C-alpha atoms as a PDB file:
ATOM      1  CA  UNK A   1       0.000   0.000   0.000  1.00  0.00           C
ATOM      2  CA  UNK A   2       1.304   3.447  -0.928  1.00  0.00           C
ATOM      3  CA  UNK A   3       2.206   5.548   2.107  1.00  0.00           C
ATOM      4  CA  UNK A   4       1.553   9.282   2.173  1.00  0.00           C
ATOM      5  CA  UNK A   5       2.441  11.590   5.040  1.00  0.00           C
ATOM      6  CA  UNK A   6       0.479  14.816   5.464  1.00  0.00           C
ATOM      7  CA  UNK A   7       2.279  17.414   7.602  1.00  0.00           C
ATOM      8  CA  UNK A   8      -0.006  20.109   9.005  1.00  0.00           C
ATOM      9  CA  UNK A   9       1.451  23.426  10.155  1.00  0.00           C
ATOM     10  CA  UNK A  10      -0.038  26.902  10.739  1.00  0.00           C
ATOM     11  CA  UNK A  11       3.243  28.665   9.920  1.00  0.00           C
ATOM     12  CA  UNK A  12       3.719  29.527   6.272  1.00  0.00           C
ATOM     13  CA  UNK A  13       7.050  27.708   6.094  1.00  0.00           C
ATOM     14  CA  UNK A  14       8.304  24.491   7.676  1.00  0.00           C
ATOM     15  CA  UNK A  15      11.690  25.095   9.330  1.00  0.00           C
ATOM     16  CA  UNK A  16      13.902  22.707  11.268  1.00  0.00           C
ATOM     17  CA  UNK A  17      14.605  25.145  14.105  1.00  0.00           C
ATOM     18  CA  UNK A  18      10.870  25.702  14.735  1.00  0.00           C
ATOM     19  CA  UNK A  19       9.429  22.310  13.798  1.00  0.00           C
ATOM     20  CA  UNK A  20      12.210  19.782  14.447  1.00  0.00           C
ATOM     21  CA  UNK A  21       9.894  16.986  15.627  1.00  0.00           C
ATOM     22  CA  UNK A  22       7.942  16.752  12.377  1.00  0.00           C
ATOM     23  CA  UNK A  23      11.049  17.645  10.375  1.00  0.00           C
ATOM     24  CA  UNK A  24      12.969  14.663  11.773  1.00  0.00           C
ATOM     25  CA  UNK A  25       9.933  12.446  11.267  1.00  0.00           C
ATOM     26  CA  UNK A  26       9.630  13.621   7.641  1.00  0.00           C
ATOM     27  CA  UNK A  27      13.297  12.875   6.956  1.00  0.00           C
ATOM     28  CA  UNK A  28      12.883   9.247   8.064  1.00  0.00           C
ATOM     29  CA  UNK A  29       9.537   8.689   6.344  1.00  0.00           C
ATOM     30  CA  UNK A  30       9.545   6.074   3.568  1.00  0.00           C
ATOM     31  CA  UNK A  31       6.759   7.393   1.378  1.00  0.00           C
ATOM     32  CA  UNK A  32       5.321  10.484  -0.292  1.00  0.00           C
ATOM     33  CA  UNK A  33       5.209  13.642   1.830  1.00  0.00           C
ATOM     34  CA  UNK A  34       2.652  16.443   1.512  1.00  0.00           C
ATOM     35  CA  UNK A  35       3.446  19.594   3.501  1.00  0.00           C
ATOM     36  CA  UNK A  36       0.373  21.741   4.163  1.00  0.00           C
ATOM     37  CA  UNK A  37       1.598  25.007   5.713  1.00  0.00           C
ATOM     38  CA  UNK A  38      -0.617  28.004   6.391  1.00  0.00           C
ATOM     39  CA  UNK A  39      -3.183  25.465   7.593  1.00  0.00           C
ATOM     40  CA  UNK A  40      -5.468  27.981   9.308  1.00  0.00           C
ATOM     41  CA  UNK A  41      -6.021  29.707   5.937  1.00  0.00           C
ATOM     42  CA  UNK A  42      -6.860  26.525   4.016  1.00  0.00           C
ATOM     43  CA  UNK A  43     -10.396  25.808   2.884  1.00  0.00           C
ATOM     44  CA  UNK A  44     -12.250  22.780   4.232  1.00  0.00           C
ATOM     45  CA  UNK A  45     -12.305  21.386   0.692  1.00  0.00           C
ATOM     46  CA  UNK A  46      -8.494  21.544   0.358  1.00  0.00           C
ATOM     47  CA  UNK A  47      -7.986  20.012   3.798  1.00  0.00           C
ATOM     48  CA  UNK A  48     -10.327  17.116   3.020  1.00  0.00           C
ATOM     49  CA  UNK A  49      -8.631  16.552  -0.355  1.00  0.00           C
ATOM     50  CA  UNK A  50      -5.258  16.082   1.333  1.00  0.00           C
ATOM     51  CA  UNK A  51      -6.713  14.003   4.156  1.00  0.00           C
ATOM     52  CA  UNK A  52      -8.158  11.573   1.617  1.00  0.00           C
ATOM     53  CA  UNK A  53      -4.679  11.077   0.105  1.00  0.00           C
ATOM     54  CA  UNK A  54      -2.970  10.596   3.455  1.00  0.00           C
ATOM     55  CA  UNK A  55      -2.200   7.375   5.306  1.00  0.00           C
ATOM     56  CA  UNK A  56      -0.313   9.266   8.025  1.00  0.00           C
ATOM     57  CA  UNK A  57      -0.598  12.732   9.577  1.00  0.00           C
ATOM     58  CA  UNK A  58       2.077  14.599  11.530  1.00  0.00           C
ATOM     59  CA  UNK A  59       1.690  17.838  13.462  1.00  0.00           C
ATOM     60  CA  UNK A  60       3.730  19.812  16.008  1.00  0.00           C
ATOM     61  CA  UNK A  61       1.666  22.150  18.164  1.00  0.00           C
ATOM     62  CA  UNK A  62       1.014  23.789  21.525  1.00  0.00           C
ATOM     63  CA  UNK A  63      -2.779  23.772  20.987  1.00  0.00           C
ATOM     64  CA  UNK A  64      -2.956  27.472  21.883  1.00  0.00           C
ATOM     65  CA  UNK A  65      -3.746  30.766  20.118  1.00  0.00           C
ATOM     66  CA  UNK A  66      -6.372  29.246  17.856  1.00  0.00           C
ATOM     67  CA  UNK A  67      -4.799  25.862  17.198  1.00  0.00           C
ATOM     68  CA  UNK A  68      -6.825  24.552  20.134  1.00  0.00           C
ATOM     69  CA  UNK A  69      -9.983  25.327  18.128  1.00  0.00           C
ATOM     70  CA  UNK A  70      -8.483  23.549  15.122  1.00  0.00           C
ATOM     71  CA  UNK A  71      -7.988  20.507  17.368  1.00  0.00           C
ATOM     72  CA  UNK A  72     -11.771  20.121  17.672  1.00  0.00           C
ATOM     73  CA  UNK A  73     -12.281  20.825  13.959  1.00  0.00           C
ATOM     74  CA  UNK A  74      -9.782  18.098  13.066  1.00  0.00           C
ATOM     75  CA  UNK A  75     -11.443  15.689  15.505  1.00  0.00           C
ATOM     76  CA  UNK A  76     -14.763  16.263  13.720  1.00  0.00           C
ATOM     77  CA  UNK A  77     -13.181  15.564  10.334  1.00  0.00           C
ATOM     78  CA  UNK A  78     -11.293  12.474  11.516  1.00  0.00           C
ATOM     79  CA  UNK A  79     -14.385  11.009  13.166  1.00  0.00           C
ATOM     80  CA  UNK A  80     -16.090  11.025   9.780  1.00  0.00           C
ATOM     81  CA  UNK A  81     -13.166   9.490   7.871  1.00  0.00           C
ATOM     82  CA  UNK A  82     -13.708   5.709   7.594  1.00  0.00           C
ATOM     83  CA  UNK A  83     -10.128   5.084   6.419  1.00  0.00           C
ATOM     84  CA  UNK A  84      -7.840   4.364   9.406  1.00  0.00           C
ATOM     85  CA  UNK A  85      -4.990   6.848   9.753  1.00  0.00           C
ATOM     86  CA  UNK A  86      -1.816   6.980  11.798  1.00  0.00           C
ATOM     87  CA  UNK A  87      -1.714  10.353  13.560  1.00  0.00           C
ATOM     88  CA  UNK A  88       1.597  11.609  14.967  1.00  0.00           C
ATOM     89  CA  UNK A  89       1.447  14.614  17.307  1.00  0.00           C
ATOM     90  CA  UNK A  90       4.265  16.488  19.024  1.00  0.00           C
ATOM     91  CA  UNK A  91       2.525  18.421  21.796  1.00  0.00           C
ATOM     92  CA  UNK A  92       4.843  20.974  23.368  1.00  0.00           C
ATOM     93  CA  UNK A  93       4.723  21.769  27.105  1.00  0.00           C
ATOM     94  CA  UNK A  94       2.023  19.214  27.958  1.00  0.00           C
ATOM     95  CA  UNK A  95       1.413  15.461  27.954  1.00  0.00           C
ATOM     96  CA  UNK A  96      -0.498  14.416  24.827  1.00  0.00           C
ATOM     97  CA  UNK A  97      -2.458  11.534  26.372  1.00  0.00           C
ATOM     98  CA  UNK A  98      -3.616  13.660  29.300  1.00  0.00           C
ATOM     99  CA  UNK A  99      -4.502  16.543  26.963  1.00  0.00           C
ATOM    100  CA  UNK A 100      -6.660  14.285  24.812  1.00  0.00           C
ATOM    101  CA  UNK A 101      -8.615  12.697  27.665  1.00  0.00           C
ATOM    102  CA  UNK A 102      -9.066  16.125  29.304  1.00  0.00           C
ATOM    103  CA  UNK A 103     -10.499  17.644  26.117  1.00  0.00           C
ATOM    104  CA  UNK A 104     -12.416  14.805  24.477  1.00  0.00           C
ATOM    105  CA  UNK A 105     -15.420  12.941  25.825  1.00  0.00           C
ATOM    106  CA  UNK A 106     -15.497   9.112  25.933  1.00  0.00           C
ATOM    107  CA  UNK A 107     -17.938   9.294  23.010  1.00  0.00           C
ATOM    108  CA  UNK A 108     -15.489  11.344  20.918  1.00  0.00           C
ATOM    109  CA  UNK A 109     -12.590   9.029  21.769  1.00  0.00           C
ATOM    110  CA  UNK A 110     -14.727   6.047  20.782  1.00  0.00           C
ATOM    111  CA  UNK A 111     -15.507   7.687  17.430  1.00  0.00           C
ATOM    112  CA  UNK A 112     -11.753   8.017  16.776  1.00  0.00           C
ATOM    113  CA  UNK A 113     -10.797   4.477  17.793  1.00  0.00           C
ATOM    114  CA  UNK A 114     -10.274   3.295  14.181  1.00  0.00           C
ATOM    115  CA  UNK A 115      -7.330   5.724  13.972  1.00  0.00           C
ATOM    116  CA  UNK A 116      -3.996   5.144  15.741  1.00  0.00           C
ATOM    117  CA  UNK A 117      -2.504   8.058  17.672  1.00  0.00           C
ATOM    118  CA  UNK A 118       1.206   8.396  18.425  1.00  0.00           C
ATOM    119  CA  UNK A 119       3.069  11.084  20.302  1.00  0.00           C
ATOM    120  CA  UNK A 120       6.302  12.426  18.893  1.00  0.00           C
ATOM    121  CA  UNK A 121       8.902  12.700  21.640  1.00  0.00           C
ATOM    122  CA  UNK A 122      12.581  13.544  21.765  1.00  0.00           C
ATOM    123  CA  UNK A 123      14.996  10.787  22.723  1.00  0.00           C
ATOM    124  CA  UNK A 124      18.766  10.876  22.305  1.00  0.00           C
ATOM    125  CA  UNK A 125      18.355  14.289  20.573  1.00  0.00           C
ATOM    126  CA  UNK A 126      16.125  12.775  17.859  1.00  0.00           C
ATOM    127  CA  UNK A 127      12.353  12.642  17.434  1.00  0.00           C
ATOM    128  CA  UNK A 128      10.840   9.204  17.960  1.00  0.00           C
ATOM    129  CA  UNK A 129       7.293   7.868  18.315  1.00  0.00           C
ATOM    130  CA  UNK A 130       5.332   6.369  21.179  1.00  0.00           C
ATOM    131  CA  UNK A 131       1.941   4.733  20.538  1.00  0.00           C
ATOM    132  CA  UNK A 132      -0.956   5.835  22.745  1.00  0.00           C
ATOM    133  CA  UNK A 133      -3.498   3.260  23.845  1.00  0.00           C
ATOM    134  CA  UNK A 134      -6.989   4.506  24.718  1.00  0.00           C
ATOM    135  CA  UNK A 135      -8.647   1.088  24.870  1.00  0.00           C
ATOM    136  CA  UNK A 136      -8.918   1.413  28.654  1.00  0.00           C
ATOM    137  CA  UNK A 137     -11.531   4.081  27.860  1.00  0.00           C
ATOM    138  CA  UNK A 138     -13.032   3.006  24.539  1.00  0.00           C
ATOM    139  CA  UNK A 139     -13.559  -0.621  25.630  1.00  0.00           C
ATOM    140  CA  UNK A 140     -15.677   0.634  28.516  1.00  0.00           C
ATOM    141  CA  UNK A 141     -17.572   3.301  26.578  1.00  0.00           C
ATOM    142  CA  UNK A 142     -20.380   1.035  25.419  1.00  0.00           C
ATOM    143  CA  UNK A 143     -20.942  -0.002  29.038  1.00  0.00           C
ATOM    144  CA  UNK A 144     -21.994   3.514  29.988  1.00  0.00           C
ATOM    145  CA  UNK A 145     -18.661   5.144  30.847  1.00  0.00           C
ATOM    146  CA  UNK A 146     -19.126   8.731  31.989  1.00  0.00           C
ATOM    147  CA  UNK A 147     -16.691  11.648  31.708  1.00  0.00           C
ATOM    148  CA  UNK A 148     -16.303  11.673  35.496  1.00  0.00           C
ATOM    149  CA  UNK A 149     -14.824   8.173  35.390  1.00  0.00           C
ATOM    150  CA  UNK A 150     -12.299   8.936  32.661  1.00  0.00           C
ATOM    151  CA  UNK A 151      -9.723  10.662  34.866  1.00  0.00           C
ATOM    152  CA  UNK A 152      -9.781   7.791  37.353  1.00  0.00           C
ATOM    153  CA  UNK A 153      -9.245   5.317  34.507  1.00  0.00           C
ATOM    154  CA  UNK A 154      -6.413   7.476  33.169  1.00  0.00           C
ATOM    155  CA  UNK A 155      -4.629   7.466  36.553  1.00  0.00           C
ATOM    156  CA  UNK A 156      -5.113   3.694  36.918  1.00  0.00           C
ATOM    157  CA  UNK A 157      -3.637   3.135  33.449  1.00  0.00           C
ATOM    158  CA  UNK A 158      -0.890   5.715  34.090  1.00  0.00           C
ATOM    159  CA  UNK A 159       0.222   3.797  37.181  1.00  0.00           C
ATOM    160  CA  UNK A 160       0.037   0.431  35.419  1.00  0.00           C
ATOM    161  CA  UNK A 161       2.215   1.649  32.519  1.00  0.00           C
ATOM    162  CA  UNK A 162       4.750   3.466  34.740  1.00  0.00           C
ATOM    163  CA  UNK A 163       7.533   0.859  34.168  1.00  0.00           C
ATOM    164  CA  UNK A 164       7.486   1.857  30.480  1.00  0.00           C
ATOM    165  CA  UNK A 165       8.314   5.485  31.324  1.00  0.00           C
ATOM    166  CA  UNK A 166      11.889   5.279  32.557  1.00  0.00           C
ATOM    167  CA  UNK A 167      13.888   8.523  32.673  1.00  0.00           C
ATOM    168  CA  UNK A 168      17.245   6.871  31.958  1.00  0.00           C
ATOM    169  CA  UNK A 169      18.572   7.589  35.456  1.00  0.00           C
ATOM    170  CA  UNK A 170      19.358   4.866  37.992  1.00  0.00           C
ATOM    171  CA  UNK A 171      18.353   5.125  41.651  1.00  0.00           C
ATOM    172  CA  UNK A 172      20.056   3.410  44.591  1.00  0.00           C
ATOM    173  CA  UNK A 173      17.315   2.555  47.103  1.00  0.00           C
ATOM    174  CA  UNK A 174      18.609   3.180  50.640  1.00  0.00           C
ATOM    175  CA  UNK A 175      15.529   3.185  52.882  1.00  0.00           C
ATOM    176  CA  UNK A 176      11.836   4.036  53.058  1.00  0.00           C
ATOM    177  CA  UNK A 177       9.955   5.943  55.733  1.00  0.00           C
ATOM    178  CA  UNK A 178       6.440   5.253  54.378  1.00  0.00           C
ATOM    179  CA  UNK A 179       4.011   2.466  55.169  1.00  0.00           C
ATOM    180  CA  UNK A 180       1.477   0.665  53.009  1.00  0.00           C
ATOM    181  CA  UNK A 181       1.160  -2.327  50.717  1.00  0.00           C
ATOM    182  CA  UNK A 182       2.836  -0.498  47.806  1.00  0.00           C
ATOM    183  CA  UNK A 183       5.982   0.042  49.925  1.00  0.00           C
ATOM    184  CA  UNK A 184       6.445  -3.598  50.939  1.00  0.00           C
ATOM    185  CA  UNK A 185       9.457  -5.652  49.790  1.00  0.00           C
ATOM    186  CA  UNK A 186      11.352  -2.655  48.369  1.00  0.00           C
ATOM    187  CA  UNK A 187      14.764  -3.561  46.902  1.00  0.00           C
ATOM    188  CA  UNK A 188      16.787  -1.836  49.639  1.00  0.00           C
ATOM    189  CA  UNK A 189      20.435  -1.599  48.609  1.00  0.00           C
ATOM    190  CA  UNK A 190      19.673  -2.252  44.929  1.00  0.00           C
ATOM    191  CA  UNK A 191      19.804   0.005  41.877  1.00  0.00           C
ATOM    192  CA  UNK A 192      16.518   0.481  40.013  1.00  0.00           C
ATOM    193  CA  UNK A 193      15.121   2.645  37.192  1.00  0.00           C
ATOM    194  CA  UNK A 194      13.767   6.112  37.895  1.00  0.00           C
ATOM    195  CA  UNK A 195      10.262   6.571  36.481  1.00  0.00           C
ATOM    196  CA  UNK A 196       8.531   9.575  34.949  1.00  0.00           C
ATOM    197  CA  UNK A 197       5.325   9.942  37.000  1.00  0.00           C
ATOM    198  CA  UNK A 198       4.786  13.695  36.717  1.00  0.00           C
ATOM    199  CA  UNK A 199       0.998  13.311  36.524  1.00  0.00           C
ATOM    200  CA  UNK A 200       0.960  11.783  40.012  1.00  0.00           C
ATOM    201  CA  UNK A 201       2.494  14.870  41.596  1.00  0.00           C
ATOM    202  CA  UNK A 202       0.055  16.338  44.105  1.00  0.00           C
ATOM    203  CA  UNK A 203       1.750  19.678  44.699  1.00  0.00           C
ATOM    204  CA  UNK A 204       0.469  22.527  42.550  1.00  0.00           C
ATOM    205  CA  UNK A 205       3.263  24.925  43.531  1.00  0.00           C
ATOM    206  CA  UNK A 206       6.742  24.739  44.925  1.00  0.00           C
ATOM    207  CA  UNK A 207       9.521  22.345  43.905  1.00  0.00           C
ATOM    208  CA  UNK A 208       8.917  18.710  43.066  1.00  0.00           C
ATOM    209  CA  UNK A 209      10.236  16.443  45.820  1.00  0.00           C
ATOM    210  CA  UNK A 210      12.079  13.143  45.515  1.00  0.00           C
ATOM    211  CA  UNK A 211      12.102  10.508  42.771  1.00  0.00           C
ATOM    212  CA  UNK A 212       9.639   7.899  41.519  1.00  0.00           C
ATOM    213  CA  UNK A 213      10.448   4.190  41.324  1.00  0.00           C
ATOM    214  CA  UNK A 214       8.332   1.056  40.957  1.00  0.00           C
ATOM    215  CA  UNK A 215       6.936  -0.216  44.251  1.00  0.00           C
ATOM    216  CA  UNK A 216       4.789  -3.235  45.023  1.00  0.00           C
ATOM    217  CA  UNK A 217       2.281  -3.089  42.161  1.00  0.00           C
ATOM    218  CA  UNK A 218       2.406   0.678  41.612  1.00  0.00           C
ATOM    219  CA  UNK A 219       4.911   3.543  41.426  1.00  0.00           C
ATOM    220  CA  UNK A 220       6.038   5.123  44.697  1.00  0.00           C
ATOM    221  CA  UNK A 221       8.037   8.197  45.622  1.00  0.00           C
ATOM    222  CA  UNK A 222      11.225   8.228  47.665  1.00  0.00           C
ATOM    223  CA  UNK A 223      12.264  11.506  49.327  1.00  0.00           C
ATOM    224  CA  UNK A 224      15.305  12.730  51.220  1.00  0.00           C
ATOM    225  CA  UNK A 225      13.678  15.489  53.281  1.00  0.00           C
ATOM    226  CA  UNK A 226      11.644  13.286  55.624  1.00  0.00           C
ATOM    227  CA  UNK A 227      14.311  12.815  58.282  1.00  0.00           C
ATOM    228  CA  UNK A 228      15.720   9.817  56.411  1.00  0.00           C
ATOM    229  CA  UNK A 229      17.916   9.508  53.306  1.00  0.00           C
ATOM    230  CA  UNK A 230      15.777   7.179  51.190  1.00  0.00           C
ATOM    231  CA  UNK A 231      17.642   7.241  47.884  1.00  0.00           C
ATOM    232  CA  UNK A 232      20.746   8.270  46.023  1.00  0.00           C
ATOM    233  CA  UNK A 233      21.287   8.929  42.309  1.00  0.00           C
ATOM    234  CA  UNK A 234      23.436   5.973  41.255  1.00  0.00           C
ATOM    235  CA  UNK A 235      25.654   7.871  38.798  1.00  0.00           C
ATOM    236  CA  UNK A 236      27.495  11.167  39.130  1.00  0.00           C
ATOM    237  CA  UNK A 237      25.374  14.190  38.289  1.00  0.00           C
ATOM    238  CA  UNK A 238      26.123  17.320  36.298  1.00  0.00           C
ATOM    239  CA  UNK A 239      26.025  20.689  38.097  1.00  0.00           C
ATOM    240  CA  UNK A 240      22.513  21.296  36.705  1.00  0.00           C
ATOM    241  CA  UNK A 241      21.291  17.894  37.919  1.00  0.00           C
ATOM    242  CA  UNK A 242      22.959  18.455  41.284  1.00  0.00           C
ATOM    243  CA  UNK A 243      21.103  21.755  41.723  1.00  0.00           C
ATOM    244  CA  UNK A 244      17.794  20.056  40.891  1.00  0.00           C
ATOM    245  CA  UNK A 245      18.529  17.378  43.498  1.00  0.00           C
ATOM    246  CA  UNK A 246      19.369  20.062  46.070  1.00  0.00           C
ATOM    247  CA  UNK A 247      15.997  21.656  45.268  1.00  0.00           C
ATOM    248  CA  UNK A 248      14.220  18.327  45.785  1.00  0.00           C
ATOM    249  CA  UNK A 249      16.048  17.630  49.032  1.00  0.00           C
ATOM    250  CA  UNK A 250      15.651  21.046  50.657  1.00  0.00           C
ATOM    251  CA  UNK A 251      12.178  22.168  49.567  1.00  0.00           C
ATOM    252  CA  UNK A 252      13.556  25.335  47.973  1.00  0.00           C
ATOM    253  CA  UNK A 253      12.309  26.580  44.605  1.00  0.00           C
ATOM    254  CA  UNK A 254      15.489  27.538  42.769  1.00  0.00           C
ATOM    255  CA  UNK A 255      13.602  29.600  40.178  1.00  0.00           C
ATOM    256  CA  UNK A 256      12.749  32.034  42.994  1.00  0.00           C
ATOM    257  CA  UNK A 257      16.433  32.586  43.824  1.00  0.00           C
ATOM    258  CA  UNK A 258      18.040  35.691  42.320  1.00  0.00           C
ATOM    259  CA  UNK A 259      20.332  34.916  39.347  1.00  0.00           C
ATOM    260  CA  UNK A 260      23.333  36.584  41.022  1.00  0.00           C
ATOM    261  CA  UNK A 261      22.909  34.317  44.057  1.00  0.00           C
ATOM    262  CA  UNK A 262      22.648  31.224  41.847  1.00  0.00           C
ATOM    263  CA  UNK A 263      25.794  32.251  39.987  1.00  0.00           C
ATOM    264  CA  UNK A 264      27.620  32.486  43.311  1.00  0.00           C
ATOM    265  CA  UNK A 265      26.383  29.051  44.414  1.00  0.00           C
ATOM    266  CA  UNK A 266      27.467  27.470  41.112  1.00  0.00           C
ATOM    267  CA  UNK A 267      30.889  29.123  41.385  1.00  0.00           C
ATOM    268  CA  UNK A 268      31.346  27.715  44.895  1.00  0.00           C
ATOM    269  CA  UNK A 269      30.263  24.207  43.819  1.00  0.00           C
ATOM    270  CA  UNK A 270      32.761  24.291  40.942  1.00  0.00           C
ATOM    271  CA  UNK A 271      35.572  25.733  43.083  1.00  0.00           C
ATOM    272  CA  UNK A 272      38.646  23.529  43.622  1.00  0.00           C
ATOM    273  CA  UNK A 273      40.317  25.748  46.232  1.00  0.00           C
ATOM    274  CA  UNK A 274      41.595  23.827  49.242  1.00  0.00           C
ATOM    275  CA  UNK A 275      39.634  25.961  51.694  1.00  0.00           C
ATOM    276  CA  UNK A 276      36.402  25.172  49.829  1.00  0.00           C
ATOM    277  CA  UNK A 277      35.798  21.701  51.258  1.00  0.00           C
ATOM    278  CA  UNK A 278      32.349  20.181  50.744  1.00  0.00           C
ATOM    279  CA  UNK A 279      31.088  21.083  54.231  1.00  0.00           C
ATOM    280  CA  UNK A 280      32.075  24.715  53.674  1.00  0.00           C
ATOM    281  CA  UNK A 281      30.324  24.628  50.310  1.00  0.00           C
ATOM    282  CA  UNK A 282      27.196  23.142  51.901  1.00  0.00           C
ATOM    283  CA  UNK A 283      27.285  25.869  54.541  1.00  0.00           C
ATOM    284  CA  UNK A 284      27.567  28.570  51.844  1.00  0.00           C
ATOM    285  CA  UNK A 285      24.689  27.058  49.827  1.00  0.00           C
ATOM    286  CA  UNK A 286      22.392  27.059  52.879  1.00  0.00           C
ATOM    287  CA  UNK A 287      23.193  30.713  53.499  1.00  0.00           C
ATOM    288  CA  UNK A 288      22.683  31.618  49.846  1.00  0.00           C
ATOM    289  CA  UNK A 289      19.330  29.802  49.672  1.00  0.00           C
ATOM    290  CA  UNK A 290      18.354  31.251  53.061  1.00  0.00           C
ATOM    291  CA  UNK A 291      17.358  27.877  54.479  1.00  0.00           C
ATOM    292  CA  UNK A 292      18.012  26.411  57.954  1.00  0.00           C
ATOM    293  CA  UNK A 293      21.377  24.649  58.178  1.00  0.00           C
ATOM    294  CA  UNK A 294      20.008  21.966  60.487  1.00  0.00           C
ATOM    295  CA  UNK A 295      19.400  18.879  58.351  1.00  0.00           C
ATOM    296  CA  UNK A 296      19.742  20.716  55.031  1.00  0.00           C
ATOM    297  CA  UNK A 297      23.496  21.232  55.328  1.00  0.00           C
ATOM    298  CA  UNK A 298      24.115  17.505  55.880  1.00  0.00           C
ATOM    299  CA  UNK A 299      21.941  16.523  52.904  1.00  0.00           C
ATOM    300  CA  UNK A 300      23.733  18.999  50.636  1.00  0.00           C
ATOM    301  CA  UNK A 301      27.117  17.868  51.983  1.00  0.00           C
ATOM    302  CA  UNK A 302      26.255  14.229  51.138  1.00  0.00           C
ATOM    303  CA  UNK A 303      25.184  15.245  47.612  1.00  0.00           C
ATOM    304  CA  UNK A 304      28.433  17.154  47.078  1.00  0.00           C
ATOM    305  CA  UNK A 305      30.530  14.277  48.413  1.00  0.00           C
ATOM    306  CA  UNK A 306      28.836  11.844  46.051  1.00  0.00           C
ATOM    307  CA  UNK A 307      29.288  13.998  42.964  1.00  0.00           C
ATOM    308  CA  UNK A 308      32.418  16.170  43.268  1.00  0.00           C
END
């Protein structure tokens, strides 16, 4: 079967520096490519003509400033297209699966089930694809699934698929202060994969704490600011990663710290002067971040010792 990729873009020109997800995908595509730029100015007739030709669609978007309205227009068109299509979407600054279930009803998702949706993500500096599976919603739709139940189903599926979302970092499990079935039989003393479970974060403001790993049947979070050091990053971290881990371990939001203060902290971390031992550096960082030294200084000192 002849393959045809339709690239949809509101800009009037497709450029690598602005659209590198779909650009990389286009370069690897083994079929005909149709690039439809200036999409918002195209007539419905022209859009349908290209959709009929296509076997695959690729788009990079934020779904803002009007493109969110086009999302619903495209859903309406795709619902009425009997030919199954592969749809590849690079959604910037949000999770595609969560965006779709937040904005489409179970009925609308069911109407799209003959199409296959993929998200374009960046891995090893190149765009790659990840198939999305909405059967946990569409299979239940005919049994009277309501919109109120969709989010619960999403979270259940999100937890179940957590082992597939590794970040690439390794975590040494040292201890656990929490109780519950999900925390039983943790691999204390072993190195495990860190998981991306951003949608399980409960805090709406402030820094994200700790790291996620797989527990007993579901993902769990380990933290180092609970009076116990529960984990350690198994490999040496860059300065940027070290600062993020300091943020997680001290409950300080680094984005609120003045740039000149952050520059001073980075300079001290990188310093190799004899008088700048790791305890002195930890002391300086506490003062710069304006946080209590009790507890925080020791955690920062341990991080510096492990990575410098």
